PDB file of N, CA and C in Angstrom:
ATOM      1  N   MET A   1    -142.364 195.959 -26.986  1.00  0.00           N
ATOM      2  CA  MET A   1    -141.359 195.143 -27.499  1.00  0.00           C
ATOM      3  C   MET A   1    -141.674 193.525 -27.610  1.00  0.00           C
ATOM      4  N   LEU A   2    -141.168 193.107 -28.770  1.00  0.00           N
ATOM      5  CA  LEU A   2    -141.593 191.687 -29.055  1.00  0.00           C
ATOM      6  C   LEU A   2    -140.793 190.864 -27.997  1.00  0.00           C
ATOM      7  N   LYS A   3    -141.420 189.905 -27.561  1.00  0.00           N
ATOM      8  CA  LYS A   3    -140.681 189.076 -26.544  1.00  0.00           C
ATOM      9  C   LYS A   3    -140.277 187.640 -27.231  1.00  0.00           C
ATOM     10  N   GLU A   4    -139.195 187.173 -26.869  1.00  0.00           N
ATOM     11  CA  GLU A   4    -138.538 186.082 -27.427  1.00  0.00           C
ATOM     12  C   GLU A   4    -138.423 184.812 -26.574  1.00  0.00           C
ATOM     13  N   ILE A   5    -138.578 183.643 -27.201  1.00  0.00           N
ATOM     14  CA  ILE A   5    -138.409 182.393 -26.409  1.00  0.00           C
ATOM     15  C   ILE A   5    -137.418 181.657 -27.204  1.00  0.00           C
ATOM     16  N   SER A   6    -136.714 180.609 -26.559  1.00  0.00           N
ATOM     17  CA  SER A   6    -135.721 179.922 -27.341  1.00  0.00           C
ATOM     18  C   SER A   6    -135.610 178.488 -26.914  1.00  0.00           C
ATOM     19  N   THR A   7    -136.367 178.133 -26.175  1.00  0.00           N
ATOM     20  CA  THR A   7    -136.489 176.716 -25.663  1.00  0.00           C
ATOM     21  C   THR A   7    -137.778 175.918 -25.987  1.00  0.00           C
ATOM     22  N   GLU A   8    -137.704 174.465 -26.120  1.00  0.00           N
ATOM     23  CA  GLU A   8    -138.964 173.764 -26.379  1.00  0.00           C
ATOM     24  C   GLU A   8    -139.788 173.908 -25.197  1.00  0.00           C
ATOM     25  N   GLU A   9    -139.151 173.976 -23.968  1.00  0.00           N
ATOM     26  CA  GLU A   9    -140.154 174.281 -22.774  1.00  0.00           C
ATOM     27  C   GLU A   9    -140.834 175.425 -22.785  1.00  0.00           C
ATOM     28  N   GLU A  10    -140.216 176.535 -23.114  1.00  0.00           N
ATOM     29  CA  GLU A  10    -140.878 177.776 -23.307  1.00  0.00           C
ATOM     30  C   GLU A  10    -141.993 177.754 -24.327  1.00  0.00           C
ATOM     31  N   TYR A  11    -141.706 177.239 -25.416  1.00  0.00           N
ATOM     32  CA  TYR A  11    -142.632 177.024 -26.504  1.00  0.00           C
ATOM     33  C   TYR A  11    -143.794 176.213 -26.040  1.00  0.00           C
ATOM     34  N   ASN A  12    -143.642 175.018 -25.407  1.00  0.00           N
ATOM     35  CA  ASN A  12    -144.490 174.299 -24.969  1.00  0.00           C
ATOM     36  C   ASN A  12    -145.615 174.903 -23.986  1.00  0.00           C
ATOM     37  N   GLU A  13    -144.741 175.624 -23.048  1.00  0.00           N
ATOM     38  CA  GLU A  13    -145.655 176.341 -22.011  1.00  0.00           C
ATOM     39  C   GLU A  13    -146.732 177.268 -22.673  1.00  0.00           C
ATOM     40  N   LEU A  14    -146.110 178.081 -23.546  1.00  0.00           N
ATOM     41  CA  LEU A  14    -147.013 179.060 -24.291  1.00  0.00           C
ATOM     42  C   LEU A  14    -148.282 178.397 -25.121  1.00  0.00           C
ATOM     43  N   ILE A  15    -147.828 177.251 -25.795  1.00  0.00           N
ATOM     44  CA  ILE A  15    -148.835 176.484 -26.537  1.00  0.00           C
ATOM     45  C   ILE A  15    -149.858 175.893 -25.442  1.00  0.00           C
ATOM     46  N   ASN A  16    -149.515 175.258 -24.320  1.00  0.00           N
ATOM     47  CA  ASN A  16    -150.321 174.728 -23.317  1.00  0.00           C
ATOM     48  C   ASN A  16    -151.286 175.899 -22.817  1.00  0.00           C
ATOM     49  N   GLN A  17    -150.668 177.192 -22.880  1.00  0.00           N
ATOM     50  CA  GLN A  17    -151.704 178.404 -22.497  1.00  0.00           C
ATOM     51  C   GLN A  17    -152.513 178.808 -23.435  1.00  0.00           C
ATOM     52  N   GLY A  18    -152.502 178.278 -24.845  1.00  0.00           N
ATOM     53  CA  GLY A  18    -153.314 178.700 -25.823  1.00  0.00           C
ATOM     54  C   GLY A  18    -152.740 179.296 -26.830  1.00  0.00           C
ATOM     55  N   ALA A  19    -151.476 179.580 -26.960  1.00  0.00           N
ATOM     56  CA  ALA A  19    -150.898 180.408 -27.871  1.00  0.00           C
ATOM     57  C   ALA A  19    -150.941 179.674 -29.173  1.00  0.00           C
ATOM     58  N   ILE A  20    -150.996 180.447 -30.219  1.00  0.00           N
ATOM     59  CA  ILE A  20    -151.177 179.876 -31.546  1.00  0.00           C
ATOM     60  C   ILE A  20    -149.828 179.992 -32.368  1.00  0.00           C
ATOM     61  N   PRO A  21    -149.187 179.009 -32.845  1.00  0.00           N
ATOM     62  CA  PRO A  21    -147.931 179.156 -33.614  1.00  0.00           C
ATOM     63  C   PRO A  21    -148.352 179.405 -35.088  1.00  0.00           C
ATOM     64  N   ILE A  22    -147.540 180.338 -35.460  1.00  0.00           N
ATOM     65  CA  ILE A  22    -147.652 180.720 -37.057  1.00  0.00           C
ATOM     66  C   ILE A  22    -146.266 180.510 -37.595  1.00  0.00           C
ATOM     67  N   ASP A  23    -146.107 179.716 -38.723  1.00  0.00           N
ATOM     68  CA  ASP A  23    -144.806 179.607 -39.293  1.00  0.00           C
ATOM     69  C   ASP A  23    -144.977 180.651 -40.687  1.00  0.00           C
ATOM     70  N   VAL A  24    -143.868 181.428 -40.722  1.00  0.00           N
ATOM     71  CA  VAL A  24    -143.919 182.431 -41.736  1.00  0.00           C
ATOM     72  C   VAL A  24    -142.737 182.077 -42.941  1.00  0.00           C
ATOM     73  N   ARG A  25    -142.389 180.711 -42.982  1.00  0.00           N
ATOM     74  CA  ARG A  25    -141.368 180.228 -44.008  1.00  0.00           C
ATOM     75  C   ARG A  25    -142.234 180.072 -45.111  1.00  0.00           C
ATOM     76  N   SER A  26    -141.303 179.670 -46.277  1.00  0.00           N
ATOM     77  CA  SER A  26    -142.141 179.422 -47.573  1.00  0.00           C
ATOM     78  C   SER A  26    -142.836 177.902 -47.401  1.00  0.00           C
ATOM     79  N   GLU A  27    -143.806 177.692 -48.346  1.00  0.00           N
ATOM     80  CA  GLU A  27    -144.458 176.484 -48.511  1.00  0.00           C
ATOM     81  C   GLU A  27    -143.415 175.253 -48.468  1.00  0.00           C
ATOM     82  N   GLU A  28    -142.429 175.396 -49.189  1.00  0.00           N
ATOM     83  CA  GLU A  28    -141.536 174.290 -49.256  1.00  0.00           C
ATOM     84  C   GLU A  28    -140.735 174.029 -47.951  1.00  0.00           C
ATOM     85  N   GLU A  29    -140.323 175.084 -47.331  1.00  0.00           N
ATOM     86  CA  GLU A  29    -139.706 175.047 -46.125  1.00  0.00           C
ATOM     87  C   GLU A  29    -140.641 174.416 -44.996  1.00  0.00           C
ATOM     88  N   TYR A  30    -141.698 174.931 -44.992  1.00  0.00           N
ATOM     89  CA  TYR A  30    -142.749 174.328 -44.035  1.00  0.00           C
ATOM     90  C   TYR A  30    -143.229 172.862 -44.259  1.00  0.00           C
ATOM     91  N   ASN A  31    -143.162 172.382 -45.433  1.00  0.00           N
ATOM     92  CA  ASN A  31    -143.392 171.067 -45.978  1.00  0.00           C
ATOM     93  C   ASN A  31    -142.408 170.186 -45.699  1.00  0.00           C
ATOM     94  N   ALA A  32    -141.027 170.663 -45.516  1.00  0.00           N
ATOM     95  CA  ALA A  32    -139.974 169.883 -45.342  1.00  0.00           C
ATOM     96  C   ALA A  32    -139.706 169.499 -43.848  1.00  0.00           C
ATOM     97  N   ALA A  33    -140.007 170.336 -42.905  1.00  0.00           N
ATOM     98  CA  ALA A  33    -140.036 170.141 -41.497  1.00  0.00           C
ATOM     99  C   ALA A  33    -140.704 171.153 -40.722  1.00  0.00           C
ATOM    100  N   LYS A  34    -141.485 170.789 -39.964  1.00  0.00           N
ATOM    101  CA  LYS A  34    -142.426 171.770 -39.047  1.00  0.00           C
ATOM    102  C   LYS A  34    -142.599 171.209 -37.657  1.00  0.00           C
ATOM    103  N   ILE A  35    -142.578 172.253 -36.726  1.00  0.00           N
ATOM    104  CA  ILE A  35    -142.954 171.945 -35.386  1.00  0.00           C
ATOM    105  C   ILE A  35    -144.339 171.353 -35.266  1.00  0.00           C
ATOM    106  N   PRO A  36    -144.427 170.065 -34.682  1.00  0.00           N
ATOM    107  CA  PRO A  36    -145.905 169.404 -34.612  1.00  0.00           C
ATOM    108  C   PRO A  36    -146.824 170.413 -34.059  1.00  0.00           C
ATOM    109  N   ASN A  37    -148.055 170.423 -34.782  1.00  0.00           N
ATOM    110  CA  ASN A  37    -149.366 171.049 -34.418  1.00  0.00           C
ATOM    111  C   ASN A  37    -149.100 172.606 -34.815  1.00  0.00           C
ATOM    112  N   THR A  38    -148.208 172.744 -35.565  1.00  0.00           N
ATOM    113  CA  THR A  38    -148.142 174.029 -36.235  1.00  0.00           C
ATOM    114  C   THR A  38    -148.942 174.158 -37.474  1.00  0.00           C
ATOM    115  N   GLU A  39    -150.197 174.531 -37.468  1.00  0.00           N
ATOM    116  CA  GLU A  39    -150.980 174.377 -38.579  1.00  0.00           C
ATOM    117  C   GLU A  39    -151.202 175.526 -39.313  1.00  0.00           C
ATOM    118  N   ILE A  40    -150.845 176.662 -39.088  1.00  0.00           N
ATOM    119  CA  ILE A  40    -150.837 177.898 -39.738  1.00  0.00           C
ATOM    120  C   ILE A  40    -149.587 178.330 -40.251  1.00  0.00           C
ATOM    121  N   GLY A  41    -149.349 178.320 -41.620  1.00  0.00           N
ATOM    122  CA  GLY A  41    -148.390 178.695 -42.366  1.00  0.00           C
ATOM    123  C   GLY A  41    -148.753 179.940 -43.265  1.00  0.00           C
ATOM    124  N   TYR A  42    -148.010 181.057 -42.991  1.00  0.00           N
ATOM    125  CA  TYR A  42    -148.173 182.108 -43.976  1.00  0.00           C
ATOM    126  C   TYR A  42    -146.963 182.731 -44.410  1.00  0.00           C
ATOM    127  N   ASP A  43    -146.610 182.639 -45.611  1.00  0.00           N
ATOM    128  CA  ASP A  43    -145.277 182.967 -46.207  1.00  0.00           C
ATOM    129  C   ASP A  43    -144.999 184.548 -46.048  1.00  0.00           C
ATOM    130  N   TRP A  44    -144.198 184.929 -45.224  1.00  0.00           N
ATOM    131  CA  TRP A  44    -143.710 186.263 -45.147  1.00  0.00           C
ATOM    132  C   TRP A  44    -143.136 186.805 -46.340  1.00  0.00           C
ATOM    133  N   ASN A  45    -142.194 186.165 -47.036  1.00  0.00           N
ATOM    134  CA  ASN A  45    -141.644 186.641 -48.285  1.00  0.00           C
ATOM    135  C   ASN A  45    -142.463 186.967 -49.424  1.00  0.00           C
ATOM    136  N   ASN A  46    -143.546 186.185 -49.619  1.00  0.00           N
ATOM    137  CA  ASN A  46    -144.466 186.292 -50.801  1.00  0.00           C
ATOM    138  C   ASN A  46    -145.475 187.215 -50.603  1.00  0.00           C
ATOM    139  N   GLY A  47    -145.630 187.795 -49.258  1.00  0.00           N
ATOM    140  CA  GLY A  47    -146.832 188.797 -49.097  1.00  0.00           C
ATOM    141  C   GLY A  47    -147.932 187.974 -48.646  1.00  0.00           C
ATOM    142  N   GLU A  48    -148.169 186.589 -48.332  1.00  0.00           N
ATOM    143  CA  GLU A  48    -149.194 186.081 -47.948  1.00  0.00           C
ATOM    144  C   GLU A  48    -149.570 186.471 -46.517  1.00  0.00           C
ATOM    145  N   PHE A  49    -148.539 186.492 -45.638  1.00  0.00           N
ATOM    146  CA  PHE A  49    -148.752 187.032 -44.304  1.00  0.00           C
ATOM    147  C   PHE A  49    -149.454 188.270 -44.273  1.00  0.00           C
ATOM    148  N   MET A  50    -148.929 189.285 -45.138  1.00  0.00           N
ATOM    149  CA  MET A  50    -149.584 190.584 -45.029  1.00  0.00           C
ATOM    150  C   MET A  50    -151.100 190.539 -45.317  1.00  0.00           C
ATOM    151  N   ASP A  51    -151.308 189.491 -46.351  1.00  0.00           N
ATOM    152  CA  ASP A  51    -152.772 189.399 -46.841  1.00  0.00           C
ATOM    153  C   ASP A  51    -153.759 188.680 -45.710  1.00  0.00           C
ATOM    154  N   LYS A  52    -153.090 187.822 -45.024  1.00  0.00           N
ATOM    155  CA  LYS A  52    -153.816 187.039 -43.919  1.00  0.00           C
ATOM    156  C   LYS A  52    -153.870 187.388 -42.578  1.00  0.00           C
ATOM    157  N   PHE A  53    -152.971 188.274 -42.320  1.00  0.00           N
ATOM    158  CA  PHE A  53    -153.041 188.826 -40.712  1.00  0.00           C
ATOM    159  C   PHE A  53    -154.173 189.243 -40.252  1.00  0.00           C
ATOM    160  N   ILE A  54    -155.020 189.872 -41.037  1.00  0.00           N
ATOM    161  CA  ILE A  54    -156.454 190.498 -40.732  1.00  0.00           C
ATOM    162  C   ILE A  54    -157.264 189.318 -40.330  1.00  0.00           C
ATOM    163  N   ASP A  55    -157.076 188.049 -40.537  1.00  0.00           N
ATOM    164  CA  ASP A  55    -157.907 187.115 -39.995  1.00  0.00           C
ATOM    165  C   ASP A  55    -157.689 186.428 -38.759  1.00  0.00           C
ATOM    166  N   LEU A  56    -156.427 187.058 -38.122  1.00  0.00           N
ATOM    167  CA  LEU A  56    -156.074 186.715 -36.964  1.00  0.00           C
ATOM    168  C   LEU A  56    -156.642 187.616 -35.702  1.00  0.00           C
ATOM    169  N   ASP A  57    -156.777 187.005 -34.495  1.00  0.00           N
ATOM    170  CA  ASP A  57    -157.523 187.659 -33.498  1.00  0.00           C
ATOM    171  C   ASP A  57    -156.389 188.476 -32.614  1.00  0.00           C
ATOM    172  N   SER A  58    -156.561 189.499 -32.648  1.00  0.00           N
ATOM    173  CA  SER A  58    -155.429 190.349 -31.919  1.00  0.00           C
ATOM    174  C   SER A  58    -155.578 190.298 -30.442  1.00  0.00           C
ATOM    175  N   SER A  59    -156.646 189.483 -29.845  1.00  0.00           N
ATOM    176  CA  SER A  59    -156.633 189.354 -28.360  1.00  0.00           C
ATOM    177  C   SER A  59    -155.951 187.965 -28.042  1.00  0.00           C
ATOM    178  N   LYS A  60    -155.473 187.248 -28.974  1.00  0.00           N
ATOM    179  CA  LYS A  60    -154.760 185.886 -28.796  1.00  0.00           C
ATOM    180  C   LYS A  60    -153.497 185.974 -28.789  1.00  0.00           C
ATOM    181  N   THR A  61    -152.621 185.126 -28.252  1.00  0.00           N
ATOM    182  CA  THR A  61    -151.201 185.119 -28.133  1.00  0.00           C
ATOM    183  C   THR A  61    -150.590 184.234 -29.274  1.00  0.00           C
ATOM    184  N   TYR A  62    -149.703 184.765 -29.801  1.00  0.00           N
ATOM    185  CA  TYR A  62    -149.086 184.163 -31.035  1.00  0.00           C
ATOM    186  C   TYR A  62    -147.480 183.764 -30.876  1.00  0.00           C
ATOM    187  N   VAL A  63    -147.166 182.699 -31.435  1.00  0.00           N
ATOM    188  CA  VAL A  63    -145.693 182.455 -31.468  1.00  0.00           C
ATOM    189  C   VAL A  63    -145.182 182.269 -32.880  1.00  0.00           C
ATOM    190  N   MET A  64    -144.372 183.313 -33.370  1.00  0.00           N
ATOM    191  CA  MET A  64    -143.988 183.321 -34.760  1.00  0.00           C
ATOM    192  C   MET A  64    -142.666 182.550 -34.958  1.00  0.00           C
ATOM    193  N   ILE A  65    -142.684 181.621 -36.065  1.00  0.00           N
ATOM    194  CA  ILE A  65    -141.666 180.797 -36.410  1.00  0.00           C
ATOM    195  C   ILE A  65    -141.047 180.819 -37.714  1.00  0.00           C
ATOM    196  N   CYS A  66    -139.949 180.804 -37.948  1.00  0.00           N
ATOM    197  CA  CYS A  66    -139.372 180.800 -39.340  1.00  0.00           C
ATOM    198  C   CYS A  66    -137.944 180.071 -39.279  1.00  0.00           C
ATOM    199  N   ARG A  67    -137.284 180.197 -40.219  1.00  0.00           N
ATOM    200  CA  ARG A  67    -136.095 179.258 -40.384  1.00  0.00           C
ATOM    201  C   ARG A  67    -134.791 179.725 -39.454  1.00  0.00           C
ATOM    202  N   SER A  68    -134.515 181.138 -39.369  1.00  0.00           N
ATOM    203  CA  SER A  68    -133.550 181.627 -38.538  1.00  0.00           C
ATOM    204  C   SER A  68    -133.910 182.509 -37.321  1.00  0.00           C
ATOM    205  N   GLY A  69    -135.173 182.908 -37.536  1.00  0.00           N
ATOM    206  CA  GLY A  69    -135.654 183.875 -36.517  1.00  0.00           C
ATOM    207  C   GLY A  69    -135.800 185.356 -37.194  1.00  0.00           C
ATOM    208  N   ASN A  70    -135.322 185.605 -38.258  1.00  0.00           N
ATOM    209  CA  ASN A  70    -135.357 186.884 -38.799  1.00  0.00           C
ATOM    210  C   ASN A  70    -136.734 187.253 -39.453  1.00  0.00           C
ATOM    211  N   ARG A  71    -137.372 186.386 -40.277  1.00  0.00           N
ATOM    212  CA  ARG A  71    -138.741 186.716 -40.832  1.00  0.00           C
ATOM    213  C   ARG A  71    -139.639 186.609 -39.761  1.00  0.00           C
ATOM    214  N   SER A  72    -139.489 185.658 -38.853  1.00  0.00           N
ATOM    215  CA  SER A  72    -140.443 185.469 -37.703  1.00  0.00           C
ATOM    216  C   SER A  72    -140.486 186.957 -36.897  1.00  0.00           C
ATOM    217  N   MET A  73    -139.354 187.482 -36.726  1.00  0.00           N
ATOM    218  CA  MET A  73    -139.125 188.531 -35.839  1.00  0.00           C
ATOM    219  C   MET A  73    -139.721 189.806 -36.661  1.00  0.00           C
ATOM    220  N   GLN A  74    -139.729 190.030 -37.888  1.00  0.00           N
ATOM    221  CA  GLN A  74    -140.269 191.092 -38.728  1.00  0.00           C
ATOM    222  C   GLN A  74    -141.792 190.924 -38.662  1.00  0.00           C
ATOM    223  N   ALA A  75    -142.215 189.582 -38.788  1.00  0.00           N
ATOM    224  CA  ALA A  75    -143.714 189.210 -38.653  1.00  0.00           C
ATOM    225  C   ALA A  75    -144.354 189.708 -37.374  1.00  0.00           C
ATOM    226  N   GLY A  76    -143.661 189.423 -36.350  1.00  0.00           N
ATOM    227  CA  GLY A  76    -144.058 189.779 -35.062  1.00  0.00           C
ATOM    228  C   GLY A  76    -144.132 191.145 -34.738  1.00  0.00           C
ATOM    229  N   LEU A  77    -143.137 191.890 -35.113  1.00  0.00           N
ATOM    230  CA  LEU A  77    -143.233 193.308 -35.065  1.00  0.00           C
ATOM    231  C   LEU A  77    -144.175 193.991 -35.908  1.00  0.00           C
ATOM    232  N   PHE A  78    -144.425 193.396 -37.153  1.00  0.00           N
ATOM    233  CA  PHE A  78    -145.519 193.936 -37.915  1.00  0.00           C
ATOM    234  C   PHE A  78    -146.869 193.754 -37.086  1.00  0.00           C
ATOM    235  N   LEU A  79    -147.104 192.637 -36.513  1.00  0.00           N
ATOM    236  CA  LEU A  79    -148.382 192.417 -35.801  1.00  0.00           C
ATOM    237  C   LEU A  79    -148.456 193.308 -34.621  1.00  0.00           C
ATOM    238  N   MET A  80    -147.330 193.649 -33.797  1.00  0.00           N
ATOM    239  CA  MET A  80    -147.425 194.436 -32.812  1.00  0.00           C
ATOM    240  C   MET A  80    -147.766 195.964 -33.166  1.00  0.00           C
ATOM    241  N   THR A  81    -147.247 196.174 -34.399  1.00  0.00           N
ATOM    242  CA  THR A  81    -147.579 197.573 -34.847  1.00  0.00           C
ATOM    243  C   THR A  81    -149.132 197.859 -35.374  1.00  0.00           C
ATOM    244  N   ASN A  82    -149.702 196.605 -35.447  1.00  0.00           N
ATOM    245  CA  ASN A  82    -150.983 196.573 -35.932  1.00  0.00           C
ATOM    246  C   ASN A  82    -151.959 196.256 -34.842  1.00  0.00           C
ATOM    247  N   GLY A  83    -151.444 196.349 -33.440  1.00  0.00           N
ATOM    248  CA  GLY A  83    -152.395 196.266 -32.331  1.00  0.00           C
ATOM    249  C   GLY A  83    -152.360 194.984 -31.868  1.00  0.00           C
ATOM    250  N   PHE A  84    -151.419 193.895 -31.990  1.00  0.00           N
ATOM    251  CA  PHE A  84    -151.426 192.694 -31.344  1.00  0.00           C
ATOM    252  C   PHE A  84    -150.415 193.100 -30.271  1.00  0.00           C
ATOM    253  N   GLU A  85    -150.776 192.529 -28.973  1.00  0.00           N
ATOM    254  CA  GLU A  85    -150.032 192.694 -27.759  1.00  0.00           C
ATOM    255  C   GLU A  85    -149.349 191.615 -27.262  1.00  0.00           C
ATOM    256  N   SER A  86    -149.627 190.404 -27.644  1.00  0.00           N
ATOM    257  CA  SER A  86    -149.196 189.136 -26.980  1.00  0.00           C
ATOM    258  C   SER A  86    -148.537 188.357 -28.090  1.00  0.00           C
ATOM    259  N   VAL A  87    -147.295 188.637 -28.441  1.00  0.00           N
ATOM    260  CA  VAL A  87    -146.715 188.034 -29.665  1.00  0.00           C
ATOM    261  C   VAL A  87    -145.231 187.700 -29.254  1.00  0.00           C
ATOM    262  N   TYR A  88    -144.693 186.405 -29.609  1.00  0.00           N
ATOM    263  CA  TYR A  88    -143.454 185.874 -29.206  1.00  0.00           C
ATOM    264  C   TYR A  88    -142.793 185.559 -30.692  1.00  0.00           C
ATOM    265  N   ASN A  89    -141.494 185.695 -30.679  1.00  0.00           N
ATOM    266  CA  ASN A  89    -140.597 185.190 -31.633  1.00  0.00           C
ATOM    267  C   ASN A  89    -139.824 184.088 -31.007  1.00  0.00           C
ATOM    268  N   LEU A  90    -139.703 182.948 -31.838  1.00  0.00           N
ATOM    269  CA  LEU A  90    -138.996 181.812 -31.702  1.00  0.00           C
ATOM    270  C   LEU A  90    -137.433 182.113 -32.033  1.00  0.00           C
ATOM    271  N   LYS A  91    -136.783 182.669 -31.052  1.00  0.00           N
ATOM    272  CA  LYS A  91    -135.326 182.938 -31.299  1.00  0.00           C
ATOM    273  C   LYS A  91    -134.404 181.888 -32.018  1.00  0.00           C
ATOM    274  N   GLY A  92    -133.771 182.246 -33.204  1.00  0.00           N
ATOM    275  CA  GLY A  92    -133.011 181.291 -33.899  1.00  0.00           C
ATOM    276  C   GLY A  92    -133.756 180.292 -34.749  1.00  0.00           C
ATOM    277  N   GLY A  93    -135.181 180.433 -34.697  1.00  0.00           N
ATOM    278  CA  GLY A  93    -135.888 179.761 -35.558  1.00  0.00           C
ATOM    279  C   GLY A  93    -135.807 178.183 -35.535  1.00  0.00           C
ATOM    280  N   MET A  94    -136.048 177.574 -36.755  1.00  0.00           N
ATOM    281  CA  MET A  94    -136.144 176.101 -36.875  1.00  0.00           C
ATOM    282  C   MET A  94    -134.516 175.742 -36.829  1.00  0.00           C
ATOM    283  N   ILE A  95    -133.674 176.683 -37.234  1.00  0.00           N
ATOM    284  CA  ILE A  95    -132.122 176.219 -37.037  1.00  0.00           C
ATOM    285  C   ILE A  95    -131.828 175.617 -35.640  1.00  0.00           C
ATOM    286  N   ASN A  96    -132.347 176.492 -34.636  1.00  0.00           N
ATOM    287  CA  ASN A  96    -131.968 176.217 -33.205  1.00  0.00           C
ATOM    288  C   ASN A  96    -133.026 175.503 -32.557  1.00  0.00           C
ATOM    289  N   TRP A  97    -134.150 174.850 -33.291  1.00  0.00           N
ATOM    290  CA  TRP A  97    -135.032 174.227 -32.729  1.00  0.00           C
ATOM    291  C   TRP A  97    -134.536 172.818 -32.231  1.00  0.00           C
ATOM    292  N   SER A  98    -134.671 172.439 -31.177  1.00  0.00           N
ATOM    293  CA  SER A  98    -134.075 171.111 -30.715  1.00  0.00           C
ATOM    294  C   SER A  98    -135.216 170.165 -30.397  1.00  0.00           C
ATOM    295  N   GLY A  99    -136.401 170.581 -30.550  1.00  0.00           N
ATOM    296  CA  GLY A  99    -137.797 169.721 -30.266  1.00  0.00           C
ATOM    297  C   GLY A  99    -137.853 169.072 -31.371  1.00  0.00           C
ATOM    298  N   PRO A 100    -139.111 168.145 -31.309  1.00  0.00           N
ATOM    299  CA  PRO A 100    -139.638 167.193 -32.578  1.00  0.00           C
ATOM    300  C   PRO A 100    -140.020 168.136 -33.607  1.00  0.00           C
ATOM    301  N   THR A 101    -139.865 167.310 -34.824  1.00  0.00           N
ATOM    302  CA  THR A 101    -140.462 167.922 -36.127  1.00  0.00           C
ATOM    303  C   THR A 101    -141.295 166.953 -36.854  1.00  0.00           C
ATOM    304  N   ASP A 102    -142.164 167.403 -37.674  1.00  0.00           N
ATOM    305  CA  ASP A 102    -143.107 166.548 -38.462  1.00  0.00           C
ATOM    306  C   ASP A 102    -142.371 166.663 -39.990  1.00  0.00           C
TER     307      ASP A 102
END
């Protein structure tokens, strides 16, 4: 089951423990506003995520991010069906994010 987080505190705790944030929005969305230190952006809708996920280390922890939580949920579930065990979804995505943005 894909785990979800919804607060800045939960997000920061995972990042401080070494989790890697992955933003699955479009390049335009990503460039408009992103969570600081979110350096990996793989667009879910254009298939980029499907092409790039094989470069990810399945032993690491990932936090999936999108605009509303839908694409990131799909991407997280996709990772889990492909052998990734520690995957979190940012519930509500950037719409509900109350923390800082770049």
